[in-house]
N, C-alpha and C. Protein backbone atom coordinates (compact mmCIF):
# COMPACT_ATOMS: atom_id res chain seq x y z
N MET A 1 37.44 36.03 129.94
CA MET A 1 36.57 37.15 129.61
C MET A 1 36.00 37.73 130.90
N ASP A 2 36.18 39.01 131.07
CA ASP A 2 35.70 39.67 132.27
C ASP A 2 34.21 40.02 132.15
N MET A 3 33.48 39.68 133.20
CA MET A 3 32.05 40.04 133.25
C MET A 3 31.91 41.20 134.22
N THR A 4 31.42 42.28 133.73
CA THR A 4 31.20 43.42 134.62
C THR A 4 29.79 43.36 135.17
N ILE A 5 29.52 44.20 136.15
CA ILE A 5 28.19 44.29 136.74
C ILE A 5 27.17 44.68 135.65
N GLY A 6 27.59 45.55 134.74
CA GLY A 6 26.70 45.97 133.65
C GLY A 6 26.31 44.80 132.76
N ASP A 7 27.29 43.92 132.46
CA ASP A 7 26.99 42.74 131.64
C ASP A 7 25.99 41.82 132.34
N VAL A 8 26.17 41.64 133.63
CA VAL A 8 25.27 40.77 134.40
C VAL A 8 23.86 41.36 134.39
N PHE A 9 23.76 42.70 134.65
CA PHE A 9 22.45 43.34 134.64
C PHE A 9 21.80 43.26 133.26
N LEU A 10 22.59 43.40 132.20
CA LEU A 10 22.06 43.31 130.84
C LEU A 10 21.50 41.91 130.59
N GLN A 11 22.23 40.89 131.00
CA GLN A 11 21.75 39.52 130.80
C GLN A 11 20.49 39.25 131.61
N LEU A 12 20.46 39.74 132.85
CA LEU A 12 19.27 39.57 133.68
C LEU A 12 18.08 40.28 133.05
N PHE A 13 18.31 41.49 132.54
CA PHE A 13 17.23 42.24 131.91
C PHE A 13 16.72 41.52 130.67
N MET A 14 17.63 40.97 129.86
CA MET A 14 17.20 40.25 128.65
C MET A 14 16.40 39.01 129.03
N MET A 15 16.82 38.29 130.07
CA MET A 15 16.07 37.11 130.51
C MET A 15 14.69 37.50 131.01
N ALA A 16 14.61 38.58 131.80
CA ALA A 16 13.32 39.03 132.30
C ALA A 16 12.42 39.46 131.14
N PHE A 17 12.98 40.10 130.14
CA PHE A 17 12.21 40.54 128.98
C PHE A 17 11.66 39.34 128.21
N LEU A 18 12.49 38.32 128.01
CA LEU A 18 12.04 37.11 127.31
C LEU A 18 10.96 36.38 128.10
N LEU A 19 11.13 36.31 129.42
CA LEU A 19 10.11 35.67 130.26
C LEU A 19 8.80 36.44 130.21
N ALA A 20 8.89 37.77 130.16
CA ALA A 20 7.68 38.59 130.07
C ALA A 20 6.97 38.33 128.75
N ILE A 21 7.71 38.20 127.67
CA ILE A 21 7.11 37.92 126.36
C ILE A 21 6.39 36.57 126.39
N VAL A 22 7.04 35.56 126.95
CA VAL A 22 6.44 34.23 127.04
C VAL A 22 5.18 34.28 127.90
N PHE A 23 5.24 34.99 129.03
CA PHE A 23 4.09 35.10 129.93
C PHE A 23 2.92 35.77 129.22
N VAL A 24 3.18 36.86 128.52
CA VAL A 24 2.12 37.57 127.80
C VAL A 24 1.53 36.68 126.71
N ALA A 25 2.37 35.93 126.03
CA ALA A 25 1.86 35.03 124.98
C ALA A 25 0.93 33.97 125.58
N PHE A 26 1.28 33.42 126.73
CA PHE A 26 0.41 32.45 127.38
C PHE A 26 -0.90 33.08 127.82
N MET A 27 -0.84 34.30 128.35
CA MET A 27 -2.06 34.98 128.79
C MET A 27 -2.98 35.26 127.60
N VAL A 28 -2.41 35.68 126.48
CA VAL A 28 -3.22 35.95 125.29
C VAL A 28 -3.85 34.66 124.79
N ALA A 29 -3.09 33.58 124.76
CA ALA A 29 -3.63 32.30 124.31
C ALA A 29 -4.75 31.83 125.22
N LYS A 30 -4.58 32.00 126.52
CA LYS A 30 -5.62 31.60 127.47
C LYS A 30 -6.88 32.44 127.27
N GLY A 31 -6.71 33.74 127.07
CA GLY A 31 -7.85 34.62 126.84
C GLY A 31 -8.59 34.25 125.57
N LEU A 32 -7.87 33.94 124.52
CA LEU A 32 -8.52 33.54 123.27
C LEU A 32 -9.28 32.24 123.44
N ARG A 33 -8.72 31.32 124.21
CA ARG A 33 -9.39 30.04 124.44
C ARG A 33 -10.69 30.24 125.21
N VAL A 34 -10.65 31.08 126.25
CA VAL A 34 -11.85 31.34 127.04
C VAL A 34 -12.91 32.02 126.16
N ARG A 35 -12.48 32.96 125.34
CA ARG A 35 -13.42 33.66 124.46
C ARG A 35 -14.06 32.69 123.47
N ARG A 36 -13.27 31.75 122.96
CA ARG A 36 -13.78 30.77 122.00
C ARG A 36 -14.81 29.87 122.67
N ILE A 37 -14.55 29.47 123.92
CA ILE A 37 -15.50 28.62 124.66
C ILE A 37 -16.80 29.38 124.91
N GLN A 38 -16.69 30.66 125.30
CA GLN A 38 -17.89 31.46 125.52
C GLN A 38 -18.68 31.62 124.22
N GLN A 39 -17.98 31.84 123.12
CA GLN A 39 -18.66 31.98 121.82
C GLN A 39 -19.39 30.70 121.46
N ARG A 40 -18.77 29.56 121.73
CA ARG A 40 -19.40 28.27 121.43
C ARG A 40 -20.68 28.11 122.24
N GLU A 41 -20.65 28.51 123.53
CA GLU A 41 -21.83 28.42 124.37
C GLU A 41 -22.94 29.33 123.85
N GLN A 42 -22.58 30.54 123.43
CA GLN A 42 -23.57 31.46 122.89
C GLN A 42 -24.16 30.90 121.59
N ASP A 43 -23.33 30.30 120.76
CA ASP A 43 -23.81 29.69 119.52
C ASP A 43 -24.82 28.58 119.81
N LYS A 44 -24.55 27.78 120.85
CA LYS A 44 -25.48 26.71 121.21
C LYS A 44 -26.82 27.29 121.66
N GLN A 45 -26.77 28.37 122.45
CA GLN A 45 -28.00 28.99 122.93
C GLN A 45 -28.81 29.54 121.76
N VAL A 46 -28.14 30.20 120.83
CA VAL A 46 -28.83 30.75 119.66
C VAL A 46 -29.45 29.63 118.84
N GLU A 47 -28.69 28.54 118.68
CA GLU A 47 -29.19 27.41 117.90
C GLU A 47 -30.44 26.81 118.56
N GLU A 48 -30.42 26.69 119.90
CA GLU A 48 -31.58 26.15 120.61
C GLU A 48 -32.79 27.06 120.44
N LYS A 49 -32.58 28.37 120.53
CA LYS A 49 -33.70 29.31 120.36
C LYS A 49 -34.26 29.23 118.94
N LEU A 50 -33.38 29.13 117.96
CA LEU A 50 -33.86 29.00 116.58
C LEU A 50 -34.64 27.70 116.39
N ASP A 51 -34.16 26.62 117.01
CA ASP A 51 -34.88 25.34 116.92
C ASP A 51 -36.27 25.47 117.54
N GLN A 52 -36.37 26.19 118.67
CA GLN A 52 -37.67 26.38 119.31
C GLN A 52 -38.59 27.18 118.41
N ILE A 53 -38.06 28.23 117.78
CA ILE A 53 -38.88 29.05 116.90
C ILE A 53 -39.36 28.23 115.71
N ILE A 54 -38.46 27.44 115.12
CA ILE A 54 -38.84 26.60 113.98
C ILE A 54 -39.89 25.59 114.40
N GLU A 55 -39.74 25.01 115.59
CA GLU A 55 -40.71 24.04 116.09
C GLU A 55 -42.08 24.70 116.27
N LYS A 56 -42.11 25.91 116.82
CA LYS A 56 -43.38 26.63 116.99
C LYS A 56 -44.01 26.94 115.63
N MET A 57 -43.20 27.33 114.67
CA MET A 57 -43.74 27.63 113.34
C MET A 57 -44.31 26.37 112.70
N ASN A 58 -43.63 25.25 112.88
CA ASN A 58 -44.12 23.99 112.34
C ASN A 58 -45.44 23.57 112.99
N GLN A 59 -45.54 23.76 114.31
CA GLN A 59 -46.76 23.41 115.01
C GLN A 59 -47.91 24.32 114.60
N SER A 60 -47.64 25.60 114.42
CA SER A 60 -48.72 26.54 114.05
C SER A 60 -49.16 26.32 112.62
N SER A 61 -48.27 25.88 111.74
CA SER A 61 -48.67 25.63 110.36
C SER A 61 -49.47 24.33 110.22
N LYS A 62 -49.25 23.37 111.12
CA LYS A 62 -49.99 22.12 111.09
C LYS A 62 -51.41 22.31 111.63
N SER A 63 -51.58 23.26 112.51
CA SER A 63 -52.91 23.48 113.14
C SER A 63 -53.91 24.00 112.17
C-alpha cells in the first residue's frame, strides 16, 4: 500500500487533533477540581460565620 505525503499529513493531523482533545479534557477536569476546592473553602468560611452568629445569639439570649 502506497503512503503519499497527503496520507502522512492526514494521520499527523488526526493525531494532533486527538491529543488536543485529550489536553483540553485534562484542563477542564483540572479547572473543575480547583473550582470545587475553592467552593469547599468558601462553604467552610460561611459555616464558621454562621456558627459565630448563632453563638452570639445564644449568648445574648442567655444574658
